[in-house]
Amino acid sequence: MAIEIEPALQARLQQHGITEFDEVALRQTLERYTTTYTLIKLAEWPARRWKCHYRLMMRESMYDAQTVSEAYAMGLLALLQAPVEKQDTH
């Protein structure tokens, strides 16, 4: 099985106590920290243009990634590193 997210990204997640890096675990963790997000699988021409296959949109931010797991991890890190008053946990 190919590595879904890079070791450096895994290390950053581990600093926040996240130790499972598969797609489902990352999605479930992300959903504990935000009420709304949109994950888009890009069509062929935008994927070539932006050099990514997935785009995660959360609030006013976008995260471009090669895999679904990487997109979830990037969004999750952004939420975990944000000041507490800006988080919209439910």
C-alpha atoms as a PDB file:
ATOM      1  CA  MET A   1       0.000   0.000   0.000  1.00  0.00           C
ATOM      2  CA  ALA A   2       1.342   3.435  -0.925  1.00  0.00           C
ATOM      3  CA  ILE A   3       1.945   6.073   1.702  1.00  0.00           C
ATOM      4  CA  GLU A   4      -1.132   8.289   1.820  1.00  0.00           C
ATOM      5  CA  ILE A   5       0.588  11.214   3.542  1.00  0.00           C
ATOM      6  CA  GLU A   6       4.223  12.205   3.850  1.00  0.00           C
ATOM      7  CA  PRO A   7       6.191  11.399   7.029  1.00  0.00           C
ATOM      8  CA  ALA A   8       6.685  15.120   7.763  1.00  0.00           C
ATOM      9  CA  LEU A   9       2.908  15.640   7.747  1.00  0.00           C
ATOM     10  CA  GLN A  10       2.467  12.555   9.936  1.00  0.00           C
ATOM     11  CA  ALA A  11       4.992  13.978  12.424  1.00  0.00           C
ATOM     12  CA  ARG A  12       3.081  17.274  12.607  1.00  0.00           C
ATOM     13  CA  LEU A  13      -0.160  15.388  13.274  1.00  0.00           C
ATOM     14  CA  GLN A  14       1.530  13.308  15.981  1.00  0.00           C
ATOM     15  CA  GLN A  15       2.434  16.538  17.796  1.00  0.00           C
ATOM     16  CA  HIS A  16      -1.318  16.981  18.262  1.00  0.00           C
ATOM     17  CA  GLY A  17      -1.862  13.396  19.432  1.00  0.00           C
ATOM     18  CA  ILE A  18      -3.108  12.012  16.117  1.00  0.00           C
ATOM     19  CA  THR A  19      -1.612   8.609  15.427  1.00  0.00           C
ATOM     20  CA  GLU A  20      -3.938   7.087  12.816  1.00  0.00           C
ATOM     21  CA  PHE A  21      -3.290   8.329   9.298  1.00  0.00           C
ATOM     22  CA  ASP A  22      -5.732   6.381   7.141  1.00  0.00           C
ATOM     23  CA  GLU A  23      -8.436   8.231   5.233  1.00  0.00           C
ATOM     24  CA  VAL A  24     -11.348   7.228   7.474  1.00  0.00           C
ATOM     25  CA  ALA A  25      -9.598   8.047  10.758  1.00  0.00           C
ATOM     26  CA  LEU A  26      -8.464  11.442   9.461  1.00  0.00           C
ATOM     27  CA  ARG A  27     -11.964  12.262   8.170  1.00  0.00           C
ATOM     28  CA  GLN A  28     -13.563  11.316  11.475  1.00  0.00           C
ATOM     29  CA  THR A  29     -11.048  13.431  13.381  1.00  0.00           C
ATOM     30  CA  LEU A  30     -11.586  16.376  11.034  1.00  0.00           C
ATOM     31  CA  GLU A  31     -15.340  16.128  11.579  1.00  0.00           C
ATOM     32  CA  ARG A  32     -14.822  16.455  15.338  1.00  0.00           C
ATOM     33  CA  TYR A  33     -13.221  19.871  14.774  1.00  0.00           C
ATOM     34  CA  THR A  34     -15.405  21.396  12.058  1.00  0.00           C
ATOM     35  CA  THR A  35     -19.053  21.323  11.120  1.00  0.00           C
ATOM     36  CA  THR A  36     -18.652  22.023   7.409  1.00  0.00           C
ATOM     37  CA  TYR A  37     -16.103  21.248   4.698  1.00  0.00           C
ATOM     38  CA  THR A  38     -16.175  20.354   1.036  1.00  0.00           C
ATOM     39  CA  LEU A  39     -13.857  17.843  -0.615  1.00  0.00           C
ATOM     40  CA  ILE A  40     -13.656  17.975  -4.394  1.00  0.00           C
ATOM     41  CA  LYS A  41     -12.008  15.443  -6.687  1.00  0.00           C
ATOM     42  CA  LEU A  42     -10.675  17.581  -9.493  1.00  0.00           C
ATOM     43  CA  ALA A  43     -11.262  16.749 -13.131  1.00  0.00           C
ATOM     44  CA  GLU A  44      -8.294  15.906 -15.339  1.00  0.00           C
ATOM     45  CA  TRP A  45      -7.466  19.386 -16.683  1.00  0.00           C
ATOM     46  CA  PRO A  46      -7.599  21.249 -13.336  1.00  0.00           C
ATOM     47  CA  ALA A  47      -5.568  18.451 -11.728  1.00  0.00           C
ATOM     48  CA  ARG A  48      -2.860  18.988 -14.337  1.00  0.00           C
ATOM     49  CA  ARG A  49      -3.035  22.754 -14.035  1.00  0.00           C
ATOM     50  CA  TRP A  50      -2.930  22.901 -10.228  1.00  0.00           C
ATOM     51  CA  LYS A  51      -0.795  19.760  -9.816  1.00  0.00           C
ATOM     52  CA  CYS A  52      -3.178  18.194  -7.307  1.00  0.00           C
ATOM     53  CA  HIS A  53      -6.069  15.748  -7.434  1.00  0.00           C
ATOM     54  CA  TYR A  54      -8.184  16.896  -4.494  1.00  0.00           C
ATOM     55  CA  ARG A  55      -9.215  20.238  -3.044  1.00  0.00           C
ATOM     56  CA  LEU A  56     -10.540  20.607   0.492  1.00  0.00           C
ATOM     57  CA  MET A  57     -12.457  23.808   1.153  1.00  0.00           C
ATOM     58  CA  MET A  58     -13.056  24.901   4.714  1.00  0.00           C
ATOM     59  CA  ARG A  59     -14.297  28.335   5.670  1.00  0.00           C
ATOM     60  CA  GLU A  60     -12.325  30.801   3.553  1.00  0.00           C
ATOM     61  CA  SER A  61      -9.373  28.439   2.979  1.00  0.00           C
ATOM     62  CA  MET A  62      -8.528  25.834   0.340  1.00  0.00           C
ATOM     63  CA  TYR A  63      -6.054  22.961   0.649  1.00  0.00           C
ATOM     64  CA  ASP A  64      -4.770  21.214  -2.479  1.00  0.00           C
ATOM     65  CA  ALA A  65      -3.579  17.632  -2.088  1.00  0.00           C
ATOM     66  CA  GLN A  66      -2.606  14.514  -3.995  1.00  0.00           C
ATOM     67  CA  THR A  67      -4.713  12.144  -1.871  1.00  0.00           C
ATOM     68  CA  VAL A  68      -7.878  12.375   0.188  1.00  0.00           C
ATOM     69  CA  SER A  69      -5.890  11.555   3.336  1.00  0.00           C
ATOM     70  CA  GLU A  70      -3.456  14.365   2.626  1.00  0.00           C
ATOM     71  CA  ALA A  71      -6.321  16.842   2.132  1.00  0.00           C
ATOM     72  CA  TYR A  72      -7.922  15.830   5.430  1.00  0.00           C
ATOM     73  CA  ALA A  73      -4.562  16.028   7.205  1.00  0.00           C
ATOM     74  CA  MET A  74      -3.854  19.518   5.877  1.00  0.00           C
ATOM     75  CA  GLY A  75      -7.280  20.782   6.901  1.00  0.00           C
ATOM     76  CA  LEU A  76      -7.003  19.154  10.289  1.00  0.00           C
ATOM     77  CA  LEU A  77      -3.622  20.747  10.955  1.00  0.00           C
ATOM     78  CA  ALA A  78      -5.003  24.151  10.011  1.00  0.00           C
ATOM     79  CA  LEU A  79      -7.813  23.713  12.536  1.00  0.00           C
ATOM     80  CA  LEU A  80      -5.558  22.404  15.287  1.00  0.00           C
ATOM     81  CA  GLN A  81      -3.112  25.270  14.868  1.00  0.00           C
ATOM     82  CA  ALA A  82      -5.845  27.949  14.760  1.00  0.00           C
ATOM     83  CA  PRO A  83      -6.620  29.983  17.881  1.00  0.00           C
ATOM     84  CA  VAL A  84      -9.340  28.367  19.990  1.00  0.00           C
ATOM     85  CA  GLU A  85     -11.866  31.185  19.482  1.00  0.00           C
ATOM     86  CA  LYS A  86     -11.856  30.605  15.694  1.00  0.00           C
ATOM     87  CA  GLN A  87     -12.742  26.899  15.879  1.00  0.00           C
ATOM     88  CA  ASP A  88     -16.337  25.887  15.265  1.00  0.00           C
ATOM     89  CA  THR A  89     -16.543  22.558  17.032  1.00  0.00           C
ATOM     90  CA  HIS A  90     -19.920  20.997  17.547  1.00  0.00           C
END
